[in-house]
């Protein structure tokens, strides 16, 4: 009898242990969602913004799993906005062989975004780009689809983004081109030029140091007052040809039919170097006065070269009205 009872005890213990293991596995499946796929949603799908703004798409998964989940943002044909001209989406496109495995390619082309494992909230920022085109409000429609890994699902989720022209002042510094250095063709972008925007208290509002061309924006939402735009040559990177760097500064309000471009090449002779090369004169300043949506710009020679409201030119004066 004792032997039978011992056998019954061992059998019961083994059975109980197996049930615990099975139960644990099932709990793990439920918690991590390995059997029922997570569903992606978004509470806000319609936006109106202006050029230069960033639109944030906020996503929610109804549960997390222990693997990252990929989706695509697909640009619909009815969109009037143009990719990389009117907007920029982070990440790579699903037809780019450099970042997408061949077996995962196919289906509608879109930008891939990946929600990390154990995550239920995620955001994607879409940058709306400033341009000089005169155009009406543009529209971008983005449909979210599951990527081919199919670890998560999504219903009929479409974002509708209206892109309006901006009343902000957009400033570009351009010195593109090439020059000859002892028989070698050198890209002008090897020369380092910068833009800095400073308020009347000496605080830096914005700067652009690492691009070619450089660009800054003075928003109409900034306080009225006087601002200073510093245009500088940081370094010629060792080049010293007896020529002026072909630099120009363009002021524009996107969507307005007039822009003003100032040739500033005479201020930057290459053979005198930049600020970091010991030339303290390699910097000029424009003064910008802001009143509401109106910007009045005075060049380093104390001439008014741009003023925002009605399009009208008188001598050195340019009036641009919204």
C-alpha atoms as a PDB file:
ATOM      1  CA  UNK A   1       0.000   0.000   0.000  1.00  0.00           C
ATOM      2  CA  UNK A   2       2.807   2.412   0.828  1.00  0.00           C
ATOM      3  CA  UNK A   3       4.389   1.730  -2.546  1.00  0.00           C
ATOM      4  CA  UNK A   4       1.093   2.446  -4.336  1.00  0.00           C
ATOM      5  CA  UNK A   5       0.587   5.680  -2.385  1.00  0.00           C
ATOM      6  CA  UNK A   6       4.123   6.821  -3.221  1.00  0.00           C
ATOM      7  CA  UNK A   7       3.518   6.145  -6.917  1.00  0.00           C
ATOM      8  CA  UNK A   8       0.242   8.072  -6.767  1.00  0.00           C
ATOM      9  CA  UNK A   9       2.028  10.973  -5.073  1.00  0.00           C
ATOM     10  CA  UNK A  10       4.788  11.064  -7.697  1.00  0.00           C
ATOM     11  CA  UNK A  11       2.255  10.886 -10.538  1.00  0.00           C
ATOM     12  CA  UNK A  12       0.160  13.688  -9.027  1.00  0.00           C
ATOM     13  CA  UNK A  13       3.241  15.852  -8.495  1.00  0.00           C
ATOM     14  CA  UNK A  14       4.411  15.350 -12.088  1.00  0.00           C
ATOM     15  CA  UNK A  15       0.931  16.100 -13.440  1.00  0.00           C
ATOM     16  CA  UNK A  16       0.685  19.283 -11.347  1.00  0.00           C
ATOM     17  CA  UNK A  17       4.139  20.423 -12.518  1.00  0.00           C
ATOM     18  CA  UNK A  18       3.214  19.917 -16.168  1.00  0.00           C
ATOM     19  CA  UNK A  19       0.024  21.923 -15.661  1.00  0.00           C
ATOM     20  CA  UNK A  20       2.030  24.740 -14.098  1.00  0.00           C
ATOM     21  CA  UNK A  21       4.411  24.758 -17.067  1.00  0.00           C
ATOM     22  CA  UNK A  22       1.538  24.753 -19.560  1.00  0.00           C
ATOM     23  CA  UNK A  23      -0.239  27.505 -17.663  1.00  0.00           C
ATOM     24  CA  UNK A  24       2.941  29.586 -17.553  1.00  0.00           C
ATOM     25  CA  UNK A  25       3.437  29.239 -21.296  1.00  0.00           C
ATOM     26  CA  UNK A  26      -0.142  30.246 -21.969  1.00  0.00           C
ATOM     27  CA  UNK A  27       0.186  33.279 -19.686  1.00  0.00           C
ATOM     28  CA  UNK A  28       3.332  34.279 -21.542  1.00  0.00           C
ATOM     29  CA  UNK A  29       1.516  34.005 -24.863  1.00  0.00           C
ATOM     30  CA  UNK A  30      -1.291  36.215 -23.632  1.00  0.00           C
ATOM     31  CA  UNK A  31       1.039  38.837 -22.124  1.00  0.00           C
ATOM     32  CA  UNK A  32       3.274  39.095 -25.170  1.00  0.00           C
ATOM     33  CA  UNK A  33       0.560  38.726 -27.768  1.00  0.00           C
ATOM     34  CA  UNK A  34       2.252  35.969 -29.738  1.00  0.00           C
ATOM     35  CA  UNK A  35      -1.050  34.368 -30.764  1.00  0.00           C
ATOM     36  CA  UNK A  36      -3.332  37.374 -31.212  1.00  0.00           C
ATOM     37  CA  UNK A  37      -1.567  40.086 -33.203  1.00  0.00           C
ATOM     38  CA  UNK A  38      -1.449  43.651 -31.873  1.00  0.00           C
ATOM     39  CA  UNK A  39      -3.629  46.246 -33.617  1.00  0.00           C
ATOM     40  CA  UNK A  40      -2.240  49.689 -34.493  1.00  0.00           C
ATOM     41  CA  UNK A  41      -4.451  52.794 -34.163  1.00  0.00           C
ATOM     42  CA  UNK A  42      -4.114  56.576 -34.000  1.00  0.00           C
ATOM     43  CA  UNK A  43      -6.487  59.050 -32.351  1.00  0.00           C
ATOM     44  CA  UNK A  44      -5.642  62.031 -34.612  1.00  0.00           C
ATOM     45  CA  UNK A  45      -5.468  61.561 -38.379  1.00  0.00           C
ATOM     46  CA  UNK A  46      -6.182  65.030 -39.839  1.00  0.00           C
ATOM     47  CA  UNK A  47      -3.691  67.911 -39.692  1.00  0.00           C
ATOM     48  CA  UNK A  48      -3.309  71.413 -41.094  1.00  0.00           C
ATOM     49  CA  UNK A  49       0.193  72.862 -40.843  1.00  0.00           C
ATOM     50  CA  UNK A  50       2.471  75.230 -42.703  1.00  0.00           C
ATOM     51  CA  UNK A  51       5.755  74.797 -44.522  1.00  0.00           C
ATOM     52  CA  UNK A  52       8.590  74.526 -42.032  1.00  0.00           C
ATOM     53  CA  UNK A  53       6.441  72.814 -39.396  1.00  0.00           C
ATOM     54  CA  UNK A  54       6.808  69.270 -38.073  1.00  0.00           C
ATOM     55  CA  UNK A  55       3.711  67.053 -37.967  1.00  0.00           C
ATOM     56  CA  UNK A  56       3.848  64.268 -35.375  1.00  0.00           C
ATOM     57  CA  UNK A  57       1.919  61.054 -36.025  1.00  0.00           C
ATOM     58  CA  UNK A  58       1.127  59.324 -32.723  1.00  0.00           C
ATOM     59  CA  UNK A  59       0.476  55.577 -32.774  1.00  0.00           C
ATOM     60  CA  UNK A  60      -0.878  53.145 -30.183  1.00  0.00           C
ATOM     61  CA  UNK A  61      -0.713  49.343 -30.111  1.00  0.00           C
ATOM     62  CA  UNK A  62      -3.438  47.611 -28.100  1.00  0.00           C
ATOM     63  CA  UNK A  63      -0.737  45.383 -26.564  1.00  0.00           C
ATOM     64  CA  UNK A  64       2.999  44.829 -26.658  1.00  0.00           C
ATOM     65  CA  UNK A  65       4.881  41.785 -27.896  1.00  0.00           C
ATOM     66  CA  UNK A  66       8.444  40.599 -27.425  1.00  0.00           C
ATOM     67  CA  UNK A  67       9.510  41.481 -30.975  1.00  0.00           C
ATOM     68  CA  UNK A  68       9.718  44.778 -32.904  1.00  0.00           C
ATOM     69  CA  UNK A  69       6.824  45.401 -35.313  1.00  0.00           C
ATOM     70  CA  UNK A  70       7.249  47.113 -38.674  1.00  0.00           C
ATOM     71  CA  UNK A  71       4.686  49.158 -40.582  1.00  0.00           C
ATOM     72  CA  UNK A  72       4.796  51.315 -43.704  1.00  0.00           C
ATOM     73  CA  UNK A  73       3.612  54.835 -44.460  1.00  0.00           C
ATOM     74  CA  UNK A  74       2.426  54.654 -48.071  1.00  0.00           C
ATOM     75  CA  UNK A  75       1.947  57.882 -50.066  1.00  0.00           C
ATOM     76  CA  UNK A  76      -1.433  57.709 -51.803  1.00  0.00           C
ATOM     77  CA  UNK A  77      -1.756  58.774 -55.442  1.00  0.00           C
ATOM     78  CA  UNK A  78      -4.306  61.504 -54.678  1.00  0.00           C
ATOM     79  CA  UNK A  79      -1.669  63.437 -52.715  1.00  0.00           C
ATOM     80  CA  UNK A  80      -0.616  66.728 -54.324  1.00  0.00           C
ATOM     81  CA  UNK A  81       2.521  67.120 -52.180  1.00  0.00           C
ATOM     82  CA  UNK A  82       5.819  65.750 -53.525  1.00  0.00           C
ATOM     83  CA  UNK A  83       8.144  63.518 -51.533  1.00  0.00           C
ATOM     84  CA  UNK A  84      11.446  65.211 -50.538  1.00  0.00           C
ATOM     85  CA  UNK A  85      10.262  68.525 -52.054  1.00  0.00           C
ATOM     86  CA  UNK A  86       7.288  69.319 -49.833  1.00  0.00           C
ATOM     87  CA  UNK A  87       7.888  66.878 -46.966  1.00  0.00           C
ATOM     88  CA  UNK A  88      10.423  64.472 -45.524  1.00  0.00           C
ATOM     89  CA  UNK A  89       9.686  61.200 -43.703  1.00  0.00           C
ATOM     90  CA  UNK A  90      12.427  59.526 -41.622  1.00  0.00           C
ATOM     91  CA  UNK A  91      13.593  56.015 -42.352  1.00  0.00           C
ATOM     92  CA  UNK A  92      14.075  54.099 -45.561  1.00  0.00           C
ATOM     93  CA  UNK A  93      11.692  53.236 -48.344  1.00  0.00           C
ATOM     94  CA  UNK A  94      10.487  49.667 -48.626  1.00  0.00           C
ATOM     95  CA  UNK A  95      11.950  49.311 -52.144  1.00  0.00           C
ATOM     96  CA  UNK A  96      15.465  50.298 -51.052  1.00  0.00           C
ATOM     97  CA  UNK A  97      17.665  47.167 -51.252  1.00  0.00           C
ATOM     98  CA  UNK A  98      20.243  48.784 -48.949  1.00  0.00           C
ATOM     99  CA  UNK A  99      17.953  48.547 -45.931  1.00  0.00           C
ATOM    100  CA  UNK A 100      15.244  46.025 -46.816  1.00  0.00           C
ATOM    101  CA  UNK A 101      15.787  42.306 -47.283  1.00  0.00           C
ATOM    102  CA  UNK A 102      14.641  40.994 -50.662  1.00  0.00           C
ATOM    103  CA  UNK A 103      12.227  38.549 -49.046  1.00  0.00           C
ATOM    104  CA  UNK A 104      10.556  41.456 -47.204  1.00  0.00           C
ATOM    105  CA  UNK A 105      10.139  43.609 -50.316  1.00  0.00           C
ATOM    106  CA  UNK A 106       6.999  43.862 -52.410  1.00  0.00           C
ATOM    107  CA  UNK A 107       3.581  45.399 -51.922  1.00  0.00           C
ATOM    108  CA  UNK A 108       2.952  49.150 -51.915  1.00  0.00           C
ATOM    109  CA  UNK A 109       6.079  51.286 -51.586  1.00  0.00           C
ATOM    110  CA  UNK A 110       6.296  53.310 -48.394  1.00  0.00           C
ATOM    111  CA  UNK A 111       8.541  54.470 -45.588  1.00  0.00           C
ATOM    112  CA  UNK A 112       9.169  51.807 -42.949  1.00  0.00           C
ATOM    113  CA  UNK A 113       8.881  52.575 -39.254  1.00  0.00           C
ATOM    114  CA  UNK A 114       9.545  50.060 -36.498  1.00  0.00           C
ATOM    115  CA  UNK A 115       7.883  49.940 -33.091  1.00  0.00           C
ATOM    116  CA  UNK A 116      10.310  48.421 -30.560  1.00  0.00           C
ATOM    117  CA  UNK A 117       9.522  45.278 -28.587  1.00  0.00           C
ATOM    118  CA  UNK A 118       7.485  45.712 -25.393  1.00  0.00           C
ATOM    119  CA  UNK A 119       6.228  49.112 -26.638  1.00  0.00           C
ATOM    120  CA  UNK A 120       2.644  50.298 -27.102  1.00  0.00           C
ATOM    121  CA  UNK A 121       3.167  54.007 -27.917  1.00  0.00           C
ATOM    122  CA  UNK A 122       5.231  55.339 -30.814  1.00  0.00           C
ATOM    123  CA  UNK A 123       5.549  58.551 -32.856  1.00  0.00           C
ATOM    124  CA  UNK A 124       6.798  59.474 -36.335  1.00  0.00           C
ATOM    125  CA  UNK A 125       7.761  63.073 -37.175  1.00  0.00           C
ATOM    126  CA  UNK A 126       7.110  64.364 -40.701  1.00  0.00           C
ATOM    127  CA  UNK A 127       9.000  67.536 -41.655  1.00  0.00           C
ATOM    128  CA  UNK A 128       7.168  69.932 -43.974  1.00  0.00           C
ATOM    129  CA  UNK A 129       9.782  71.608 -46.159  1.00  0.00           C
ATOM    130  CA  UNK A 130      10.027  75.272 -47.100  1.00  0.00           C
ATOM    131  CA  UNK A 131      10.250  75.993 -50.818  1.00  0.00           C
ATOM    132  CA  UNK A 132      10.188  79.055 -53.077  1.00  0.00           C
ATOM    133  CA  UNK A 133       7.270  77.890 -55.225  1.00  0.00           C
ATOM    134  CA  UNK A 134       4.096  79.939 -55.533  1.00  0.00           C
ATOM    135  CA  UNK A 135       1.412  77.358 -54.898  1.00  0.00           C
ATOM    136  CA  UNK A 136      -1.907  76.737 -53.245  1.00  0.00           C
ATOM    137  CA  UNK A 137      -2.382  74.537 -50.187  1.00  0.00           C
ATOM    138  CA  UNK A 138      -1.000  71.058 -50.848  1.00  0.00           C
ATOM    139  CA  UNK A 139      -2.226  67.776 -49.469  1.00  0.00           C
ATOM    140  CA  UNK A 140      -0.442  64.644 -48.300  1.00  0.00           C
ATOM    141  CA  UNK A 141      -2.332  61.408 -47.712  1.00  0.00           C
ATOM    142  CA  UNK A 142      -0.484  58.574 -45.983  1.00  0.00           C
ATOM    143  CA  UNK A 143      -1.936  55.093 -45.531  1.00  0.00           C
ATOM    144  CA  UNK A 144      -0.501  52.803 -42.874  1.00  0.00           C
ATOM    145  CA  UNK A 145      -0.030  49.163 -43.870  1.00  0.00           C
ATOM    146  CA  UNK A 146       1.630  46.210 -42.160  1.00  0.00           C
ATOM    147  CA  UNK A 147       5.115  45.431 -43.345  1.00  0.00           C
ATOM    148  CA  UNK A 148       5.732  41.972 -44.729  1.00  0.00           C
ATOM    149  CA  UNK A 149       6.855  40.555 -41.373  1.00  0.00           C
ATOM    150  CA  UNK A 150       3.116  40.765 -40.477  1.00  0.00           C
ATOM    151  CA  UNK A 151       3.687  40.757 -36.721  1.00  0.00           C
ATOM    152  CA  UNK A 152       1.069  43.467 -36.221  1.00  0.00           C
ATOM    153  CA  UNK A 153      -2.170  44.458 -37.917  1.00  0.00           C
ATOM    154  CA  UNK A 154      -3.820  47.768 -38.775  1.00  0.00           C
ATOM    155  CA  UNK A 155      -7.280  48.716 -40.017  1.00  0.00           C
ATOM    156  CA  UNK A 156      -8.097  51.447 -42.534  1.00  0.00           C
ATOM    157  CA  UNK A 157      -5.729  54.060 -41.090  1.00  0.00           C
ATOM    158  CA  UNK A 158      -5.110  57.090 -43.352  1.00  0.00           C
ATOM    159  CA  UNK A 159      -3.510  60.399 -42.364  1.00  0.00           C
ATOM    160  CA  UNK A 160      -4.690  63.551 -44.147  1.00  0.00           C
ATOM    161  CA  UNK A 161      -2.189  66.442 -43.942  1.00  0.00           C
ATOM    162  CA  UNK A 162      -2.866  69.875 -45.470  1.00  0.00           C
ATOM    163  CA  UNK A 163       0.307  71.916 -46.087  1.00  0.00           C
ATOM    164  CA  UNK A 164      -0.210  75.678 -46.228  1.00  0.00           C
ATOM    165  CA  UNK A 165       2.234  78.352 -47.337  1.00  0.00           C
ATOM    166  CA  UNK A 166       4.226  79.967 -44.565  1.00  0.00           C
ATOM    167  CA  UNK A 167       4.411  83.642 -43.592  1.00  0.00           C
ATOM    168  CA  UNK A 168       7.762  83.041 -41.892  1.00  0.00           C
ATOM    169  CA  UNK A 169      10.960  84.600 -43.182  1.00  0.00           C
ATOM    170  CA  UNK A 170      13.224  81.944 -44.701  1.00  0.00           C
ATOM    171  CA  UNK A 171      16.899  82.805 -45.155  1.00  0.00           C
ATOM    172  CA  UNK A 172      19.321  80.826 -47.338  1.00  0.00           C
ATOM    173  CA  UNK A 173      23.097  81.191 -47.626  1.00  0.00           C
ATOM    174  CA  UNK A 174      24.381  79.620 -50.831  1.00  0.00           C
ATOM    175  CA  UNK A 175      27.990  79.400 -52.031  1.00  0.00           C
ATOM    176  CA  UNK A 176      27.731  76.370 -54.319  1.00  0.00           C
ATOM    177  CA  UNK A 177      30.052  75.801 -57.260  1.00  0.00           C
ATOM    178  CA  UNK A 178      33.630  74.739 -57.826  1.00  0.00           C
ATOM    179  CA  UNK A 179      37.041  76.363 -58.183  1.00  0.00           C
ATOM    180  CA  UNK A 180      40.428  75.307 -59.531  1.00  0.00           C
ATOM    181  CA  UNK A 181      43.251  74.744 -57.072  1.00  0.00           C
ATOM    182  CA  UNK A 182      46.461  73.951 -58.929  1.00  0.00           C
ATOM    183  CA  UNK A 183      44.688  71.785 -61.488  1.00  0.00           C
ATOM    184  CA  UNK A 184      42.362  70.149 -58.978  1.00  0.00           C
ATOM    185  CA  UNK A 185      38.644  70.922 -59.052  1.00  0.00           C
ATOM    186  CA  UNK A 186      37.428  71.691 -55.537  1.00  0.00           C
ATOM    187  CA  UNK A 187      33.811  71.824 -54.384  1.00  0.00           C
ATOM    188  CA  UNK A 188      32.930  75.168 -52.802  1.00  0.00           C
ATOM    189  CA  UNK A 189      31.134  73.249 -50.043  1.00  0.00           C
ATOM    190  CA  UNK A 190      34.592  72.316 -48.735  1.00  0.00           C
ATOM    191  CA  UNK A 191      34.690  75.931 -47.530  1.00  0.00           C
ATOM    192  CA  UNK A 192      32.791  76.314 -44.256  1.00  0.00           C
ATOM    193  CA  UNK A 193      30.228  79.138 -44.107  1.00  0.00           C
ATOM    194  CA  UNK A 194      27.656  79.728 -41.358  1.00  0.00           C
ATOM    195  CA  UNK A 195      24.424  81.529 -40.483  1.00  0.00           C
ATOM    196  CA  UNK A 196      23.504  82.746 -36.989  1.00  0.00           C
ATOM    197  CA  UNK A 197      20.345  84.538 -35.837  1.00  0.00           C
ATOM    198  CA  UNK A 198      20.613  86.653 -32.676  1.00  0.00           C
ATOM    199  CA  UNK A 199      18.042  88.758 -30.825  1.00  0.00           C
ATOM    200  CA  UNK A 200      18.561  92.290 -29.498  1.00  0.00           C
ATOM    201  CA  UNK A 201      19.703  90.901 -26.129  1.00  0.00           C
ATOM    202  CA  UNK A 202      22.492  88.895 -27.741  1.00  0.00           C
ATOM    203  CA  UNK A 203      20.744  85.526 -27.387  1.00  0.00           C
ATOM    204  CA  UNK A 204      21.150  82.984 -30.177  1.00  0.00           C
ATOM    205  CA  UNK A 205      17.734  82.255 -31.679  1.00  0.00           C
ATOM    206  CA  UNK A 206      18.897  79.823 -34.354  1.00  0.00           C
ATOM    207  CA  UNK A 207      21.989  78.800 -36.275  1.00  0.00           C
ATOM    208  CA  UNK A 208      22.966  76.714 -39.273  1.00  0.00           C
ATOM    209  CA  UNK A 209      26.532  75.396 -39.288  1.00  0.00           C
ATOM    210  CA  UNK A 210      26.773  72.075 -41.088  1.00  0.00           C
ATOM    211  CA  UNK A 211      24.905  72.332 -44.403  1.00  0.00           C
ATOM    212  CA  UNK A 212      25.608  73.646 -47.887  1.00  0.00           C
ATOM    213  CA  UNK A 213      23.550  75.734 -48.447  1.00  0.00           C
ATOM    214  CA  UNK A 214      22.721  76.874 -44.926  1.00  0.00           C
ATOM    215  CA  UNK A 215      19.138  77.823 -43.997  1.00  0.00           C
ATOM    216  CA  UNK A 216      17.415  79.590 -41.104  1.00  0.00           C
ATOM    217  CA  UNK A 217      13.805  80.565 -40.435  1.00  0.00           C
ATOM    218  CA  UNK A 218      12.563  83.546 -38.444  1.00  0.00           C
ATOM    219  CA  UNK A 219       9.033  82.589 -37.452  1.00  0.00           C
ATOM    220  CA  UNK A 220       6.155  85.051 -37.351  1.00  0.00           C
ATOM    221  CA  UNK A 221       5.423  83.618 -33.900  1.00  0.00           C
ATOM    222  CA  UNK A 222       8.627  85.183 -32.529  1.00  0.00           C
ATOM    223  CA  UNK A 223       8.277  88.447 -30.545  1.00  0.00           C
ATOM    224  CA  UNK A 224       8.353  91.700 -32.488  1.00  0.00           C
ATOM    225  CA  UNK A 225      11.680  93.499 -32.327  1.00  0.00           C
ATOM    226  CA  UNK A 226      15.145  93.676 -33.855  1.00  0.00           C
ATOM    227  CA  UNK A 227      17.162  90.606 -34.825  1.00  0.00           C
ATOM    228  CA  UNK A 228      20.648  90.271 -36.272  1.00  0.00           C
ATOM    229  CA  UNK A 229      21.679  87.808 -38.972  1.00  0.00           C
ATOM    230  CA  UNK A 230      25.398  87.018 -38.952  1.00  0.00           C
ATOM    231  CA  UNK A 231      26.805  85.595 -42.190  1.00  0.00           C
ATOM    232  CA  UNK A 232      30.335  84.300 -41.775  1.00  0.00           C
ATOM    233  CA  UNK A 233      33.148  82.319 -43.322  1.00  0.00           C
ATOM    234  CA  UNK A 234      34.494  79.981 -40.674  1.00  0.00           C
ATOM    235  CA  UNK A 235      37.386  78.452 -42.610  1.00  0.00           C
ATOM    236  CA  UNK A 236      38.660  78.031 -46.152  1.00  0.00           C
ATOM    237  CA  UNK A 237      40.055  74.611 -45.151  1.00  0.00           C
ATOM    238  CA  UNK A 238      43.543  75.631 -46.287  1.00  0.00           C
ATOM    239  CA  UNK A 239      42.560  76.902 -49.748  1.00  0.00           C
ATOM    240  CA  UNK A 240      43.745  80.411 -50.622  1.00  0.00           C
ATOM    241  CA  UNK A 241      42.918  81.204 -54.241  1.00  0.00           C
ATOM    242  CA  UNK A 242      42.819  84.949 -55.107  1.00  0.00           C
ATOM    243  CA  UNK A 243      39.067  84.898 -55.744  1.00  0.00           C
ATOM    244  CA  UNK A 244      35.918  85.876 -53.892  1.00  0.00           C
ATOM    245  CA  UNK A 245      33.753  83.041 -52.626  1.00  0.00           C
ATOM    246  CA  UNK A 246      30.500  83.234 -54.675  1.00  0.00           C
ATOM    247  CA  UNK A 247      28.213  83.613 -51.660  1.00  0.00           C
ATOM    248  CA  UNK A 248      24.676  84.991 -51.735  1.00  0.00           C
ATOM    249  CA  UNK A 249      21.924  85.399 -49.141  1.00  0.00           C
ATOM    250  CA  UNK A 250      18.287  84.914 -50.173  1.00  0.00           C
ATOM    251  CA  UNK A 251      15.355  86.244 -48.144  1.00  0.00           C
ATOM    252  CA  UNK A 252      11.878  84.971 -48.946  1.00  0.00           C
ATOM    253  CA  UNK A 253       8.438  84.322 -47.538  1.00  0.00           C
ATOM    254  CA  UNK A 254       7.364  80.954 -49.028  1.00  0.00           C
ATOM    255  CA  UNK A 255       4.401  81.302 -51.370  1.00  0.00           C
ATOM    256  CA  UNK A 256       5.009  85.037 -51.988  1.00  0.00           C
ATOM    257  CA  UNK A 257       5.933  85.872 -55.618  1.00  0.00           C
ATOM    258  CA  UNK A 258       9.014  87.993 -54.811  1.00  0.00           C
ATOM    259  CA  UNK A 259      12.288  87.063 -53.150  1.00  0.00           C
ATOM    260  CA  UNK A 260      15.401  89.111 -52.596  1.00  0.00           C
ATOM    261  CA  UNK A 261      18.905  87.754 -53.161  1.00  0.00           C
ATOM    262  CA  UNK A 262      21.925  89.690 -51.944  1.00  0.00           C
ATOM    263  CA  UNK A 263      25.349  89.013 -53.453  1.00  0.00           C
ATOM    264  CA  UNK A 264      27.825  89.027 -50.564  1.00  0.00           C
ATOM    265  CA  UNK A 265      30.830  87.510 -52.354  1.00  0.00           C
ATOM    266  CA  UNK A 266      32.911  90.707 -52.098  1.00  0.00           C
ATOM    267  CA  UNK A 267      32.966  90.354 -48.309  1.00  0.00           C
ATOM    268  CA  UNK A 268      34.633  86.938 -48.461  1.00  0.00           C
ATOM    269  CA  UNK A 269      37.934  86.861 -50.433  1.00  0.00           C
ATOM    270  CA  UNK A 270      39.225  83.314 -50.189  1.00  0.00           C
ATOM    271  CA  UNK A 271      42.896  84.243 -49.819  1.00  0.00           C
ATOM    272  CA  UNK A 272      42.158  86.116 -46.578  1.00  0.00           C
ATOM    273  CA  UNK A 273      40.716  83.043 -44.877  1.00  0.00           C
ATOM    274  CA  UNK A 274      37.881  82.716 -42.389  1.00  0.00           C
ATOM    275  CA  UNK A 275      37.302  83.450 -38.725  1.00  0.00           C
ATOM    276  CA  UNK A 276      38.987  80.237 -37.607  1.00  0.00           C
ATOM    277  CA  UNK A 277      41.913  81.060 -39.910  1.00  0.00           C
ATOM    278  CA  UNK A 278      42.552  84.332 -38.074  1.00  0.00           C
ATOM    279  CA  UNK A 279      40.534  86.731 -40.262  1.00  0.00           C
ATOM    280  CA  UNK A 280      38.246  88.636 -37.896  1.00  0.00           C
ATOM    281  CA  UNK A 281      36.659  90.464 -40.853  1.00  0.00           C
ATOM    282  CA  UNK A 282      35.117  87.281 -42.303  1.00  0.00           C
ATOM    283  CA  UNK A 283      31.666  88.117 -40.919  1.00  0.00           C
ATOM    284  CA  UNK A 284      28.875  90.517 -41.928  1.00  0.00           C
ATOM    285  CA  UNK A 285      25.584  91.391 -40.258  1.00  0.00           C
ATOM    286  CA  UNK A 286      22.079  92.045 -41.598  1.00  0.00           C
ATOM    287  CA  UNK A 287      19.591  93.781 -39.321  1.00  0.00           C
ATOM    288  CA  UNK A 288      16.030  92.417 -39.320  1.00  0.00           C
ATOM    289  CA  UNK A 289      13.127  94.329 -37.810  1.00  0.00           C
ATOM    290  CA  UNK A 290       9.971  92.286 -37.229  1.00  0.00           C
ATOM    291  CA  UNK A 291       6.515  93.796 -36.752  1.00  0.00           C
ATOM    292  CA  UNK A 292       3.767  91.177 -36.934  1.00  0.00           C
ATOM    293  CA  UNK A 293       4.192  89.355 -40.251  1.00  0.00           C
ATOM    294  CA  UNK A 294       6.308  92.180 -41.703  1.00  0.00           C
ATOM    295  CA  UNK A 295      10.103  91.896 -41.887  1.00  0.00           C
ATOM    296  CA  UNK A 296      12.349  94.832 -42.806  1.00  0.00           C
ATOM    297  CA  UNK A 297      15.934  93.889 -43.623  1.00  0.00           C
ATOM    298  CA  UNK A 298      18.919  96.244 -43.778  1.00  0.00           C
ATOM    299  CA  UNK A 299      22.156  95.041 -45.365  1.00  0.00           C
ATOM    300  CA  UNK A 300      25.723  95.637 -44.052  1.00  0.00           C
ATOM    301  CA  UNK A 301      25.858  98.856 -46.129  1.00  0.00           C
ATOM    302  CA  UNK A 302      22.807 100.196 -44.245  1.00  0.00           C
ATOM    303  CA  UNK A 303      20.440  99.790 -47.216  1.00  0.00           C
ATOM    304  CA  UNK A 304      16.945  98.357 -46.803  1.00  0.00           C
ATOM    305  CA  UNK A 305      16.842  95.359 -49.139  1.00  0.00           C
ATOM    306  CA  UNK A 306      13.633  93.594 -48.104  1.00  0.00           C
ATOM    307  CA  UNK A 307      10.390  94.579 -46.474  1.00  0.00           C
ATOM    308  CA  UNK A 308       7.370  92.308 -46.167  1.00  0.00           C
ATOM    309  CA  UNK A 309       4.098  93.529 -47.297  1.00  0.00           C
ATOM    310  CA  UNK A 310       2.833  94.676 -50.897  1.00  0.00           C
ATOM    311  CA  UNK A 311       5.158  93.878 -53.757  1.00  0.00           C
ATOM    312  CA  UNK A 312       6.782  97.170 -54.719  1.00  0.00           C
ATOM    313  CA  UNK A 313      10.346  98.085 -55.669  1.00  0.00           C
ATOM    314  CA  UNK A 314      11.872 101.552 -55.233  1.00  0.00           C
ATOM    315  CA  UNK A 315      15.633 101.769 -55.644  1.00  0.00           C
ATOM    316  CA  UNK A 316      17.194  99.421 -53.107  1.00  0.00           C
ATOM    317  CA  UNK A 317      13.851  98.852 -51.388  1.00  0.00           C
ATOM    318  CA  UNK A 318      11.727  95.752 -51.878  1.00  0.00           C
ATOM    319  CA  UNK A 319       8.255  95.542 -50.330  1.00  0.00           C
ATOM    320  CA  UNK A 320       6.578  92.163 -50.042  1.00  0.00           C
ATOM    321  CA  UNK A 321       3.051  91.998 -48.744  1.00  0.00           C
ATOM    322  CA  UNK A 322       1.578  88.732 -47.582  1.00  0.00           C
END
